[in-house]
């Protein structure tokens, strides 16, 4: 008994009759022409999509910029008022809400990895 599955003879005849050897030069030329045509359509479609999405970007740009500005202002709020002296300038990168939030997130991540065993 053979390990090959029994193939349908009609299906084999259909594939055998459809099989044809194409000369390589016209086949390659046709493939390249179709590829160039596809690239042109893709470029045109991308351009049209960008033109359609540009007004949507303008509509949402102002609220998103205001949200980003509010977030930056909130994260840059100093924790302790140290004044304008050299100690205040020295501790400025770590004396804000953003750095404290970063430390908390990092501690939570490390503790989660230890608990979960990852």
PDB file of N, CA and C in Angstrom:
ATOM      1  N   UNK A   1       0.848  -1.176   0.000  1.00  0.00           N
ATOM      2  CA  UNK A   1       0.000   0.000   0.000  1.00  0.00           C
ATOM      3  C   UNK A   1       0.889   1.232   0.000  1.00  0.00           C
ATOM      4  N   UNK A   2       0.565   2.171  -0.848  1.00  0.00           N
ATOM      5  CA  UNK A   2       1.380   3.376  -1.024  1.00  0.00           C
ATOM      6  C   UNK A   2       1.004   4.416   0.016  1.00  0.00           C
ATOM      7  N   UNK A   3       2.008   5.243   0.392  1.00  0.00           N
ATOM      8  CA  UNK A   3       1.752   6.319   1.354  1.00  0.00           C
ATOM      9  C   UNK A   3       1.084   7.524   0.702  1.00  0.00           C
ATOM     10  N   UNK A   4       1.111   7.580  -0.627  1.00  0.00           N
ATOM     11  CA  UNK A   4       0.500   8.711  -1.314  1.00  0.00           C
ATOM     12  C   UNK A   4      -1.022   8.564  -1.311  1.00  0.00           C
ATOM     13  N   UNK A   5      -1.729   9.664  -1.119  1.00  0.00           N
ATOM     14  CA  UNK A   5      -3.181   9.573  -1.179  1.00  0.00           C
ATOM     15  C   UNK A   5      -3.631   9.370  -2.622  1.00  0.00           C
ATOM     16  N   UNK A   6      -4.769   8.764  -2.797  1.00  0.00           N
ATOM     17  CA  UNK A   6      -5.304   8.544  -4.134  1.00  0.00           C
ATOM     18  C   UNK A   6      -5.757   9.883  -4.699  1.00  0.00           C
ATOM     19  N   UNK A   7      -5.235  10.222  -5.877  1.00  0.00           N
ATOM     20  CA  UNK A   7      -5.566  11.487  -6.517  1.00  0.00           C
ATOM     21  C   UNK A   7      -6.668  11.287  -7.536  1.00  0.00           C
ATOM     22  N   UNK A   8      -7.492  12.290  -7.666  1.00  0.00           N
ATOM     23  CA  UNK A   8      -8.591  12.234  -8.617  1.00  0.00           C
ATOM     24  C   UNK A   8      -8.030  12.311 -10.040  1.00  0.00           C
ATOM     25  N   UNK A   9      -8.309  11.336 -10.898  1.00  0.00           N
ATOM     26  CA  UNK A   9      -7.754  11.351 -12.259  1.00  0.00           C
ATOM     27  C   UNK A   9      -8.289  12.514 -13.085  1.00  0.00           C
ATOM     28  N   UNK A  10      -9.523  12.905 -12.884  1.00  0.00           N
ATOM     29  CA  UNK A  10     -10.069  14.029 -13.640  1.00  0.00           C
ATOM     30  C   UNK A  10      -9.365  15.331 -13.264  1.00  0.00           C
ATOM     31  N   UNK A  11      -9.063  15.481 -11.988  1.00  0.00           N
ATOM     32  CA  UNK A  11      -8.353  16.665 -11.526  1.00  0.00           C
ATOM     33  C   UNK A  11      -6.935  16.685 -12.084  1.00  0.00           C
ATOM     34  N   UNK A  12      -6.287  15.525 -12.106  1.00  0.00           N
ATOM     35  CA  UNK A  12      -4.953  15.435 -12.693  1.00  0.00           C
ATOM     36  C   UNK A  12      -4.982  15.794 -14.171  1.00  0.00           C
ATOM     37  N   UNK A  13      -5.985  15.318 -14.919  1.00  0.00           N
ATOM     38  CA  UNK A  13      -6.100  15.642 -16.341  1.00  0.00           C
ATOM     39  C   UNK A  13      -6.332  17.132 -16.542  1.00  0.00           C
ATOM     40  N   UNK A  14      -7.125  17.730 -15.670  1.00  0.00           N
ATOM     41  CA  UNK A  14      -7.400  19.165 -15.765  1.00  0.00           C
ATOM     42  C   UNK A  14      -6.116  19.972 -15.572  1.00  0.00           C
ATOM     43  N   UNK A  15      -5.326  19.628 -14.561  1.00  0.00           N
ATOM     44  CA  UNK A  15      -4.074  20.338 -14.321  1.00  0.00           C
ATOM     45  C   UNK A  15      -3.070  20.078 -15.444  1.00  0.00           C
ATOM     46  N   UNK A  16      -3.034  18.865 -15.957  1.00  0.00           N
ATOM     47  CA  UNK A  16      -2.110  18.521 -17.025  1.00  0.00           C
ATOM     48  C   UNK A  16      -2.451  19.304 -18.292  1.00  0.00           C
ATOM     49  N   UNK A  17      -3.746  19.470 -18.602  1.00  0.00           N
ATOM     50  CA  UNK A  17      -4.132  20.202 -19.801  1.00  0.00           C
ATOM     51  C   UNK A  17      -3.910  21.708 -19.631  1.00  0.00           C
ATOM     52  N   UNK A  18      -3.966  22.208 -18.422  1.00  0.00           N
ATOM     53  CA  UNK A  18      -3.778  23.638 -18.191  1.00  0.00           C
ATOM     54  C   UNK A  18      -2.303  24.019 -18.117  1.00  0.00           C
ATOM     55  N   UNK A  19      -1.442  23.044 -17.954  1.00  0.00           N
ATOM     56  CA  UNK A  19      -0.016  23.324 -17.809  1.00  0.00           C
ATOM     57  C   UNK A  19       0.556  23.715 -19.160  1.00  0.00           C
ATOM     58  N   UNK A  20       1.249  24.850 -19.170  1.00  0.00           N
ATOM     59  CA  UNK A  20       1.910  25.288 -20.387  1.00  0.00           C
ATOM     60  C   UNK A  20       3.204  25.997 -19.997  1.00  0.00           C
ATOM     61  N   UNK A  21       4.196  25.781 -20.759  1.00  0.00           N
ATOM     62  CA  UNK A  21       5.475  26.440 -20.517  1.00  0.00           C
ATOM     63  C   UNK A  21       5.466  27.778 -21.229  1.00  0.00           C
ATOM     64  N   UNK A  22       5.733  28.824 -20.486  1.00  0.00           N
ATOM     65  CA  UNK A  22       5.753  30.164 -21.050  1.00  0.00           C
ATOM     66  C   UNK A  22       7.198  30.551 -21.346  1.00  0.00           C
ATOM     67  N   UNK A  23       7.426  31.249 -22.445  1.00  0.00           N
ATOM     68  CA  UNK A  23       8.776  31.727 -22.709  1.00  0.00           C
ATOM     69  C   UNK A  23       9.167  32.747 -21.624  1.00  0.00           C
ATOM     70  N   UNK A  24      10.408  32.722 -21.172  1.00  0.00           N
ATOM     71  CA  UNK A  24      10.782  33.534 -20.015  1.00  0.00           C
ATOM     72  C   UNK A  24      10.761  35.042 -20.261  1.00  0.00           C
ATOM     73  N   UNK A  25      11.132  35.524 -21.447  1.00  0.00           N
ATOM     74  CA  UNK A  25      11.226  36.972 -21.656  1.00  0.00           C
ATOM     75  C   UNK A  25       9.860  37.661 -21.598  1.00  0.00           C
ATOM     76  N   UNK A  26       8.851  37.200 -22.366  1.00  0.00           N
ATOM     77  CA  UNK A  26       7.547  37.881 -22.263  1.00  0.00           C
ATOM     78  C   UNK A  26       6.924  37.731 -20.878  1.00  0.00           C
ATOM     79  N   UNK A  27       7.128  36.578 -20.243  1.00  0.00           N
ATOM     80  CA  UNK A  27       6.559  36.376 -18.912  1.00  0.00           C
ATOM     81  C   UNK A  27       7.155  37.375 -17.921  1.00  0.00           C
ATOM     82  N   UNK A  28       8.467  37.541 -17.946  1.00  0.00           N
ATOM     83  CA  UNK A  28       9.134  38.482 -17.048  1.00  0.00           C
ATOM     84  C   UNK A  28       8.687  39.906 -17.338  1.00  0.00           C
ATOM     85  N   UNK A  29       8.578  40.242 -18.607  1.00  0.00           N
ATOM     86  CA  UNK A  29       8.123  41.588 -18.979  1.00  0.00           C
ATOM     87  C   UNK A  29       6.716  41.862 -18.487  1.00  0.00           C
ATOM     88  N   UNK A  30       5.837  40.861 -18.634  1.00  0.00           N
ATOM     89  CA  UNK A  30       4.464  41.032 -18.161  1.00  0.00           C
ATOM     90  C   UNK A  30       4.407  41.214 -16.650  1.00  0.00           C
ATOM     91  N   UNK A  31       5.214  40.437 -15.932  1.00  0.00           N
ATOM     92  CA  UNK A  31       5.233  40.567 -14.472  1.00  0.00           C
ATOM     93  C   UNK A  31       5.725  41.951 -14.072  1.00  0.00           C
ATOM     94  N   UNK A  32       6.786  42.441 -14.721  1.00  0.00           N
ATOM     95  CA  UNK A  32       7.314  43.768 -14.387  1.00  0.00           C
ATOM     96  C   UNK A  32       6.310  44.865 -14.727  1.00  0.00           C
ATOM     97  N   UNK A  33       5.611  44.735 -15.851  1.00  0.00           N
ATOM     98  CA  UNK A  33       4.602  45.729 -16.208  1.00  0.00           C
ATOM     99  C   UNK A  33       3.466  45.756 -15.189  1.00  0.00           C
ATOM    100  N   UNK A  34       3.027  44.579 -14.768  1.00  0.00           N
ATOM    101  CA  UNK A  34       1.960  44.531 -13.769  1.00  0.00           C
ATOM    102  C   UNK A  34       2.429  45.108 -12.436  1.00  0.00           C
ATOM    103  N   UNK A  35       3.688  44.859 -12.087  1.00  0.00           N
ATOM    104  CA  UNK A  35       4.231  45.396 -10.840  1.00  0.00           C
ATOM    105  C   UNK A  35       4.309  46.908 -10.901  1.00  0.00           C
ATOM    106  N   UNK A  36       4.769  47.439 -12.028  1.00  0.00           N
ATOM    107  CA  UNK A  36       4.832  48.902 -12.176  1.00  0.00           C
ATOM    108  C   UNK A  36       3.430  49.513 -12.123  1.00  0.00           C
ATOM    109  N   UNK A  37       2.485  48.866 -12.744  1.00  0.00           N
ATOM    110  CA  UNK A  37       1.109  49.351 -12.710  1.00  0.00           C
ATOM    111  C   UNK A  37       0.577  49.347 -11.279  1.00  0.00           C
ATOM    112  N   UNK A  38       0.868  48.267 -10.543  1.00  0.00           N
ATOM    113  CA  UNK A  38       0.428  48.190  -9.143  1.00  0.00           C
ATOM    114  C   UNK A  38       1.083  49.279  -8.309  1.00  0.00           C
ATOM    115  N   UNK A  39       2.365  49.533  -8.549  1.00  0.00           N
ATOM    116  CA  UNK A  39       3.059  50.580  -7.796  1.00  0.00           C
ATOM    117  C   UNK A  39       2.456  51.950  -8.087  1.00  0.00           C
ATOM    118  N   UNK A  40       2.101  52.198  -9.334  1.00  0.00           N
ATOM    119  CA  UNK A  40       1.489  53.478  -9.683  1.00  0.00           C
ATOM    120  C   UNK A  40       0.142  53.645  -8.979  1.00  0.00           C
ATOM    121  N   UNK A  41      -0.675  52.588  -8.984  1.00  0.00           N
ATOM    122  CA  UNK A  41      -1.968  52.653  -8.301  1.00  0.00           C
ATOM    123  C   UNK A  41      -1.789  52.822  -6.796  1.00  0.00           C
ATOM    124  N   UNK A  42      -0.802  52.140  -6.236  1.00  0.00           N
ATOM    125  CA  UNK A  42      -0.536  52.255  -4.803  1.00  0.00           C
ATOM    126  C   UNK A  42      -0.096  53.667  -4.441  1.00  0.00           C
ATOM    127  N   UNK A  43       0.765  54.259  -5.246  1.00  0.00           N
ATOM    128  CA  UNK A  43       1.211  55.623  -5.004  1.00  0.00           C
ATOM    129  C   UNK A  43       0.052  56.598  -5.121  1.00  0.00           C
ATOM    130  N   UNK A  44      -0.771  56.437  -6.140  1.00  0.00           N
ATOM    131  CA  UNK A  44      -1.928  57.317  -6.316  1.00  0.00           C
ATOM    132  C   UNK A  44      -2.913  57.162  -5.156  1.00  0.00           C
ATOM    133  N   UNK A  45      -3.164  55.928  -4.738  1.00  0.00           N
ATOM    134  CA  UNK A  45      -4.076  55.694  -3.616  1.00  0.00           C
ATOM    135  C   UNK A  45      -3.548  56.276  -2.321  1.00  0.00           C
ATOM    136  N   UNK A  46      -2.252  56.164  -2.108  1.00  0.00           N
ATOM    137  CA  UNK A  46      -1.654  56.747  -0.904  1.00  0.00           C
ATOM    138  C   UNK A  46      -1.779  58.257  -0.924  1.00  0.00           C
ATOM    139  N   UNK A  47      -1.552  58.860  -2.078  1.00  0.00           N
ATOM    140  CA  UNK A  47      -1.697  60.314  -2.198  1.00  0.00           C
ATOM    141  C   UNK A  47      -3.119  60.776  -1.926  1.00  0.00           C
ATOM    142  N   UNK A  48      -4.086  60.068  -2.480  1.00  0.00           N
ATOM    143  CA  UNK A  48      -5.498  60.419  -2.247  1.00  0.00           C
ATOM    144  C   UNK A  48      -5.852  60.251  -0.772  1.00  0.00           C
ATOM    145  N   UNK A  49      -5.386  59.171  -0.152  1.00  0.00           N
ATOM    146  CA  UNK A  49      -5.674  58.952   1.270  1.00  0.00           C
ATOM    147  C   UNK A  49      -5.063  60.058   2.121  1.00  0.00           C
ATOM    148  N   UNK A  50      -3.855  60.477   1.773  1.00  0.00           N
ATOM    149  CA  UNK A  50      -3.222  61.558   2.535  1.00  0.00           C
ATOM    150  C   UNK A  50      -3.999  62.860   2.376  1.00  0.00           C
ATOM    151  N   UNK A  51      -4.465  63.131   1.160  1.00  0.00           N
ATOM    152  CA  UNK A  51      -5.240  64.360   0.950  1.00  0.00           C
ATOM    153  C   UNK A  51      -6.571  64.323   1.698  1.00  0.00           C
ATOM    154  N   UNK A  52      -7.173  63.137   1.811  1.00  0.00           N
ATOM    155  CA  UNK A  52      -8.428  63.023   2.540  1.00  0.00           C
ATOM    156  C   UNK A  52      -8.220  63.099   4.054  1.00  0.00           C
ATOM    157  N   UNK A  53      -7.090  62.589   4.538  1.00  0.00           N
ATOM    158  CA  UNK A  53      -6.832  62.572   5.980  1.00  0.00           C
ATOM    159  C   UNK A  53      -6.237  63.874   6.496  1.00  0.00           C
ATOM    160  N   UNK A  54      -5.732  64.718   5.620  1.00  0.00           N
ATOM    161  CA  UNK A  54      -5.129  65.975   6.050  1.00  0.00           C
ATOM    162  C   UNK A  54      -6.122  66.877   6.791  1.00  0.00           C
ATOM    163  N   UNK A  55      -7.349  67.083   6.303  1.00  0.00           N
ATOM    164  CA  UNK A  55      -8.296  67.912   7.073  1.00  0.00           C
ATOM    165  C   UNK A  55      -8.636  67.309   8.436  1.00  0.00           C
ATOM    166  N   UNK A  56      -8.687  65.996   8.529  1.00  0.00           N
ATOM    167  CA  UNK A  56      -8.962  65.359   9.821  1.00  0.00           C
ATOM    168  C   UNK A  56      -7.826  65.647  10.789  1.00  0.00           C
ATOM    169  N   UNK A  57      -6.601  65.627  10.289  1.00  0.00           N
ATOM    170  CA  UNK A  57      -5.454  65.976  11.126  1.00  0.00           C
ATOM    171  C   UNK A  57      -5.519  67.401  11.616  1.00  0.00           C
ATOM    172  N   UNK A  58      -5.963  68.314  10.756  1.00  0.00           N
ATOM    173  CA  UNK A  58      -6.104  69.705  11.180  1.00  0.00           C
ATOM    174  C   UNK A  58      -7.176  69.854  12.252  1.00  0.00           C
ATOM    175  N   UNK A  59      -8.253  69.122  12.123  1.00  0.00           N
ATOM    176  CA  UNK A  59      -9.345  69.226  13.099  1.00  0.00           C
ATOM    177  C   UNK A  59      -8.897  68.752  14.477  1.00  0.00           C
ATOM    178  N   UNK A  60      -8.150  67.641  14.520  1.00  0.00           N
ATOM    179  CA  UNK A  60      -7.764  67.067  15.808  1.00  0.00           C
ATOM    180  C   UNK A  60      -6.426  67.571  16.335  1.00  0.00           C
ATOM    181  N   UNK A  61      -5.685  68.354  15.562  1.00  0.00           N
ATOM    182  CA  UNK A  61      -4.352  68.756  16.002  1.00  0.00           C
ATOM    183  C   UNK A  61      -4.398  69.699  17.195  1.00  0.00           C
ATOM    184  N   UNK A  62      -5.308  70.643  17.217  1.00  0.00           N
ATOM    185  CA  UNK A  62      -5.356  71.614  18.320  1.00  0.00           C
ATOM    186  C   UNK A  62      -5.732  70.948  19.643  1.00  0.00           C
ATOM    187  N   UNK A  63      -6.789  70.135  19.720  1.00  0.00           N
ATOM    188  CA  UNK A  63      -7.085  69.494  21.008  1.00  0.00           C
ATOM    189  C   UNK A  63      -5.975  68.552  21.469  1.00  0.00           C
ATOM    190  N   UNK A  64      -5.362  67.822  20.548  1.00  0.00           N
ATOM    191  CA  UNK A  64      -4.286  66.922  20.938  1.00  0.00           C
ATOM    192  C   UNK A  64      -3.062  67.693  21.425  1.00  0.00           C
ATOM    193  N   UNK A  65      -2.781  68.826  20.798  1.00  0.00           N
ATOM    194  CA  UNK A  65      -1.654  69.639  21.242  1.00  0.00           C
ATOM    195  C   UNK A  65      -1.930  70.229  22.624  1.00  0.00           C
ATOM    196  N   UNK A  66      -3.151  70.648  22.863  1.00  0.00           N
ATOM    197  CA  UNK A  66      -3.495  71.173  24.192  1.00  0.00           C
ATOM    198  C   UNK A  66      -3.411  70.080  25.252  1.00  0.00           C
ATOM    199  N   UNK A  67      -3.835  68.864  24.912  1.00  0.00           N
ATOM    200  CA  UNK A  67      -3.735  67.747  25.841  1.00  0.00           C
ATOM    201  C   UNK A  67      -2.280  67.422  26.157  1.00  0.00           C
ATOM    202  N   UNK A  68      -1.428  67.417  25.140  1.00  0.00           N
ATOM    203  CA  UNK A  68      -0.002  67.144  25.356  1.00  0.00           C
ATOM    204  C   UNK A  68       0.636  68.232  26.202  1.00  0.00           C
ATOM    205  N   UNK A  69       0.269  69.483  25.964  1.00  0.00           N
ATOM    206  CA  UNK A  69       0.814  70.583  26.753  1.00  0.00           C
ATOM    207  C   UNK A  69       0.369  70.489  28.211  1.00  0.00           C
ATOM    208  N   UNK A  70      -0.883  70.149  28.445  1.00  0.00           N
ATOM    209  CA  UNK A  70      -1.370  69.994  29.816  1.00  0.00           C
ATOM    210  C   UNK A  70      -0.667  68.838  30.515  1.00  0.00           C
ATOM    211  N   UNK A  71      -0.433  67.742  29.796  1.00  0.00           N
ATOM    212  CA  UNK A  71       0.267  66.596  30.372  1.00  0.00           C
ATOM    213  C   UNK A  71       1.710  66.949  30.724  1.00  0.00           C
ATOM    214  N   UNK A  72       2.387  67.663  29.849  1.00  0.00           N
ATOM    215  CA  UNK A  72       3.771  68.076  30.120  1.00  0.00           C
ATOM    216  C   UNK A  72       3.818  69.012  31.316  1.00  0.00           C
ATOM    217  N   UNK A  73       2.889  69.943  31.385  1.00  0.00           N
ATOM    218  CA  UNK A  73       2.860  70.867  32.531  1.00  0.00           C
ATOM    219  C   UNK A  73       2.575  70.127  33.828  1.00  0.00           C
ATOM    220  N   UNK A  74       1.707  69.140  33.784  1.00  0.00           N
ATOM    221  CA  UNK A  74       1.386  68.389  34.995  1.00  0.00           C
ATOM    222  C   UNK A  74       2.574  67.540  35.444  1.00  0.00           C
ATOM    223  N   UNK A  75       3.267  66.934  34.503  1.00  0.00           N
ATOM    224  CA  UNK A  75       4.405  66.087  34.866  1.00  0.00           C
ATOM    225  C   UNK A  75       5.627  66.893  35.288  1.00  0.00           C
ATOM    226  N   UNK A  76       5.717  68.143  34.852  1.00  0.00           N
ATOM    227  CA  UNK A  76       6.865  68.984  35.201  1.00  0.00           C
ATOM    228  C   UNK A  76       6.656  69.762  36.489  1.00  0.00           C
ATOM    229  N   UNK A  77       5.554  69.543  37.167  1.00  0.00           N
ATOM    230  CA  UNK A  77       5.287  70.250  38.420  1.00  0.00           C
ATOM    231  C   UNK A  77       6.288  69.795  39.483  1.00  0.00           C
ATOM    232  N   UNK A  78       6.981  70.754  40.117  1.00  0.00           N
ATOM    233  CA  UNK A  78       7.952  70.355  41.148  1.00  0.00           C
ATOM    234  C   UNK A  78       7.282  69.787  42.388  1.00  0.00           C
ATOM    235  N   UNK A  79       7.941  68.806  43.009  1.00  0.00           N
ATOM    236  CA  UNK A  79       7.426  68.199  44.233  1.00  0.00           C
ATOM    237  C   UNK A  79       7.729  69.100  45.419  1.00  0.00           C
ATOM    238  N   UNK A  80       8.964  69.552  45.529  1.00  0.00           N
ATOM    239  CA  UNK A  80       9.396  70.442  46.603  1.00  0.00           C
ATOM    240  C   UNK A  80       9.876  71.753  45.998  1.00  0.00           C
ATOM    241  N   UNK A  81       9.549  72.849  46.634  1.00  0.00           N
ATOM    242  CA  UNK A  81      10.020  74.144  46.168  1.00  0.00           C
ATOM    243  C   UNK A  81      11.410  74.381  46.759  1.00  0.00           C
ATOM    244  N   UNK A  82      12.420  74.301  45.909  1.00  0.00           N
ATOM    245  CA  UNK A  82      13.801  74.440  46.375  1.00  0.00           C
ATOM    246  C   UNK A  82      14.413  75.777  45.998  1.00  0.00           C
ATOM    247  N   UNK A  83      13.650  76.638  45.344  1.00  0.00           N
ATOM    248  CA  UNK A  83      14.149  77.953  44.980  1.00  0.00           C
ATOM    249  C   UNK A  83      14.995  77.902  43.723  1.00  0.00           C
ATOM    250  N   UNK A  84      15.707  79.042  43.501  1.00  0.00           N
ATOM    251  CA  UNK A  84      16.511  79.179  42.290  1.00  0.00           C
ATOM    252  C   UNK A  84      17.992  78.939  42.547  1.00  0.00           C
ATOM    253  N   UNK A  85      18.360  78.481  43.701  1.00  0.00           N
ATOM    254  CA  UNK A  85      19.766  78.265  44.026  1.00  0.00           C
ATOM    255  C   UNK A  85      20.345  77.059  43.315  1.00  0.00           C
ATOM    256  N   UNK A  86      21.629  76.793  43.618  1.00  0.00           N
ATOM    257  CA  UNK A  86      22.312  75.708  42.918  1.00  0.00           C
ATOM    258  C   UNK A  86      21.742  74.339  43.293  1.00  0.00           C
ATOM    259  N   UNK A  87      21.231  74.205  44.529  1.00  0.00           N
ATOM    260  CA  UNK A  87      20.630  72.927  44.935  1.00  0.00           C
ATOM    261  C   UNK A  87      19.328  72.676  44.169  1.00  0.00           C
ATOM    262  N   UNK A  88      18.565  73.737  43.934  1.00  0.00           N
ATOM    263  CA  UNK A  88      17.335  73.608  43.142  1.00  0.00           C
ATOM    264  C   UNK A  88      17.630  73.219  41.704  1.00  0.00           C
ATOM    265  N   UNK A  89      18.675  73.820  41.109  1.00  0.00           N
ATOM    266  CA  UNK A  89      19.077  73.478  39.744  1.00  0.00           C
ATOM    267  C   UNK A  89      19.644  72.064  39.666  1.00  0.00           C
ATOM    268  N   UNK A  90      20.361  71.660  40.711  1.00  0.00           N
ATOM    269  CA  UNK A  90      20.954  70.329  40.731  1.00  0.00           C
ATOM    270  C   UNK A  90      19.889  69.236  40.815  1.00  0.00           C
ATOM    271  N   UNK A  91      18.840  69.486  41.613  1.00  0.00           N
ATOM    272  CA  UNK A  91      17.790  68.475  41.801  1.00  0.00           C
ATOM    273  C   UNK A  91      16.597  68.626  40.853  1.00  0.00           C
ATOM    274  N   UNK A  92      16.670  69.587  39.932  1.00  0.00           N
ATOM    275  CA  UNK A  92      15.548  69.840  39.026  1.00  0.00           C
ATOM    276  C   UNK A  92      15.138  68.605  38.204  1.00  0.00           C
ATOM    277  N   UNK A  93      16.059  67.797  37.680  1.00  0.00           N
ATOM    278  CA  UNK A  93      15.623  66.641  36.877  1.00  0.00           C
ATOM    279  C   UNK A  93      14.853  65.582  37.670  1.00  0.00           C
ATOM    280  N   UNK A  94      15.075  65.494  38.986  1.00  0.00           N
ATOM    281  CA  UNK A  94      14.393  64.460  39.771  1.00  0.00           C
ATOM    282  C   UNK A  94      13.332  65.031  40.700  1.00  0.00           C
ATOM    283  N   UNK A  95      13.211  66.340  40.770  1.00  0.00           N
ATOM    284  CA  UNK A  95      12.256  66.976  41.674  1.00  0.00           C
ATOM    285  C   UNK A  95      10.990  67.364  40.907  1.00  0.00           C
ATOM    286  N   UNK A  96      10.317  66.392  40.320  1.00  0.00           N
ATOM    287  CA  UNK A  96       9.058  66.685  39.634  1.00  0.00           C
ATOM    288  C   UNK A  96       8.163  65.448  39.656  1.00  0.00           C
ATOM    289  N   UNK A  97       6.912  65.655  39.313  1.00  0.00           N
ATOM    290  CA  UNK A  97       5.914  64.591  39.365  1.00  0.00           C
ATOM    291  C   UNK A  97       6.235  63.502  38.338  1.00  0.00           C
ATOM    292  N   UNK A  98       6.757  63.881  37.189  1.00  0.00           N
ATOM    293  CA  UNK A  98       7.073  62.906  36.150  1.00  0.00           C
ATOM    294  C   UNK A  98       8.125  61.905  36.586  1.00  0.00           C
ATOM    295  N   UNK A  99       9.187  62.378  37.233  1.00  0.00           N
ATOM    296  CA  UNK A  99      10.229  61.439  37.669  1.00  0.00           C
ATOM    297  C   UNK A  99       9.715  60.558  38.799  1.00  0.00           C
ATOM    298  N   UNK A 100       8.875  61.105  39.677  1.00  0.00           N
ATOM    299  CA  UNK A 100       8.291  60.277  40.734  1.00  0.00           C
ATOM    300  C   UNK A 100       7.368  59.209  40.138  1.00  0.00           C
ATOM    301  N   UNK A 101       6.588  59.580  39.141  1.00  0.00           N
ATOM    302  CA  UNK A 101       5.706  58.616  38.484  1.00  0.00           C
ATOM    303  C   UNK A 101       6.532  57.545  37.771  1.00  0.00           C
ATOM    304  N   UNK A 102       7.640  57.936  37.172  1.00  0.00           N
ATOM    305  CA  UNK A 102       8.512  56.977  36.513  1.00  0.00           C
ATOM    306  C   UNK A 102       9.099  55.979  37.505  1.00  0.00           C
ATOM    307  N   UNK A 103       9.513  56.464  38.678  1.00  0.00           N
ATOM    308  CA  UNK A 103      10.056  55.574  39.703  1.00  0.00           C
ATOM    309  C   UNK A 103       8.980  54.602  40.183  1.00  0.00           C
ATOM    310  N   UNK A 104       7.762  55.089  40.367  1.00  0.00           N
ATOM    311  CA  UNK A 104       6.668  54.220  40.818  1.00  0.00           C
ATOM    312  C   UNK A 104       6.368  53.153  39.773  1.00  0.00           C
ATOM    313  N   UNK A 105       6.301  53.538  38.516  1.00  0.00           N
ATOM    314  CA  UNK A 105       6.020  52.571  37.448  1.00  0.00           C
ATOM    315  C   UNK A 105       7.138  51.539  37.361  1.00  0.00           C
ATOM    316  N   UNK A 106       8.381  51.982  37.488  1.00  0.00           N
ATOM    317  CA  UNK A 106       9.510  51.050  37.433  1.00  0.00           C
ATOM    318  C   UNK A 106       9.463  50.072  38.611  1.00  0.00           C
ATOM    319  N   UNK A 107       9.153  50.562  39.812  1.00  0.00           N
ATOM    320  CA  UNK A 107       9.036  49.680  40.975  1.00  0.00           C
ATOM    321  C   UNK A 107       7.897  48.678  40.808  1.00  0.00           C
ATOM    322  N   UNK A 108       6.775  49.126  40.270  1.00  0.00           N
ATOM    323  CA  UNK A 108       5.662  48.215  40.016  1.00  0.00           C
ATOM    324  C   UNK A 108       6.054  47.145  38.998  1.00  0.00           C
ATOM    325  N   UNK A 109       6.788  47.535  37.974  1.00  0.00           N
ATOM    326  CA  UNK A 109       7.211  46.576  36.948  1.00  0.00           C
ATOM    327  C   UNK A 109       8.173  45.542  37.530  1.00  0.00           C
ATOM    328  N   UNK A 110       9.133  46.003  38.330  1.00  0.00           N
ATOM    329  CA  UNK A 110      10.090  45.077  38.931  1.00  0.00           C
ATOM    330  C   UNK A 110       9.382  44.128  39.885  1.00  0.00           C
ATOM    331  N   UNK A 111       8.465  44.652  40.701  1.00  0.00           N
ATOM    332  CA  UNK A 111       7.760  43.788  41.638  1.00  0.00           C
ATOM    333  C   UNK A 111       6.860  42.804  40.898  1.00  0.00           C
ATOM    334  N   UNK A 112       6.232  43.224  39.821  1.00  0.00           N
ATOM    335  CA  UNK A 112       5.398  42.313  39.031  1.00  0.00           C
ATOM    336  C   UNK A 112       6.230  41.190  38.433  1.00  0.00           C
ATOM    337  N   UNK A 113       7.422  41.521  37.954  1.00  0.00           N
ATOM    338  CA  UNK A 113       8.289  40.488  37.380  1.00  0.00           C
ATOM    339  C   UNK A 113       8.730  39.492  38.444  1.00  0.00           C
ATOM    340  N   UNK A 114       8.971  39.956  39.648  1.00  0.00           N
ATOM    341  CA  UNK A 114       9.368  39.047  40.709  1.00  0.00           C
ATOM    342  C   UNK A 114       8.207  38.155  41.139  1.00  0.00           C
ATOM    343  N   UNK A 115       7.022  38.726  41.199  1.00  0.00           N
ATOM    344  CA  UNK A 115       5.838  37.946  41.612  1.00  0.00           C
ATOM    345  C   UNK A 115       5.457  36.942  40.532  1.00  0.00           C
ATOM    346  N   UNK A 116       5.476  37.372  39.274  1.00  0.00           N
ATOM    347  CA  UNK A 116       5.046  36.490  38.198  1.00  0.00           C
ATOM    348  C   UNK A 116       6.145  35.532  37.738  1.00  0.00           C
ATOM    349  N   UNK A 117       7.372  35.773  38.136  1.00  0.00           N
ATOM    350  CA  UNK A 117       8.466  34.880  37.787  1.00  0.00           C
ATOM    351  C   UNK A 117       8.989  35.066  36.382  1.00  0.00           C
ATOM    352  N   UNK A 118       8.798  36.208  35.798  1.00  0.00           N
ATOM    353  CA  UNK A 118       9.283  36.457  34.433  1.00  0.00           C
ATOM    354  C   UNK A 118      10.634  37.099  34.437  1.00  0.00           C
TER     355      UNK A 118
END
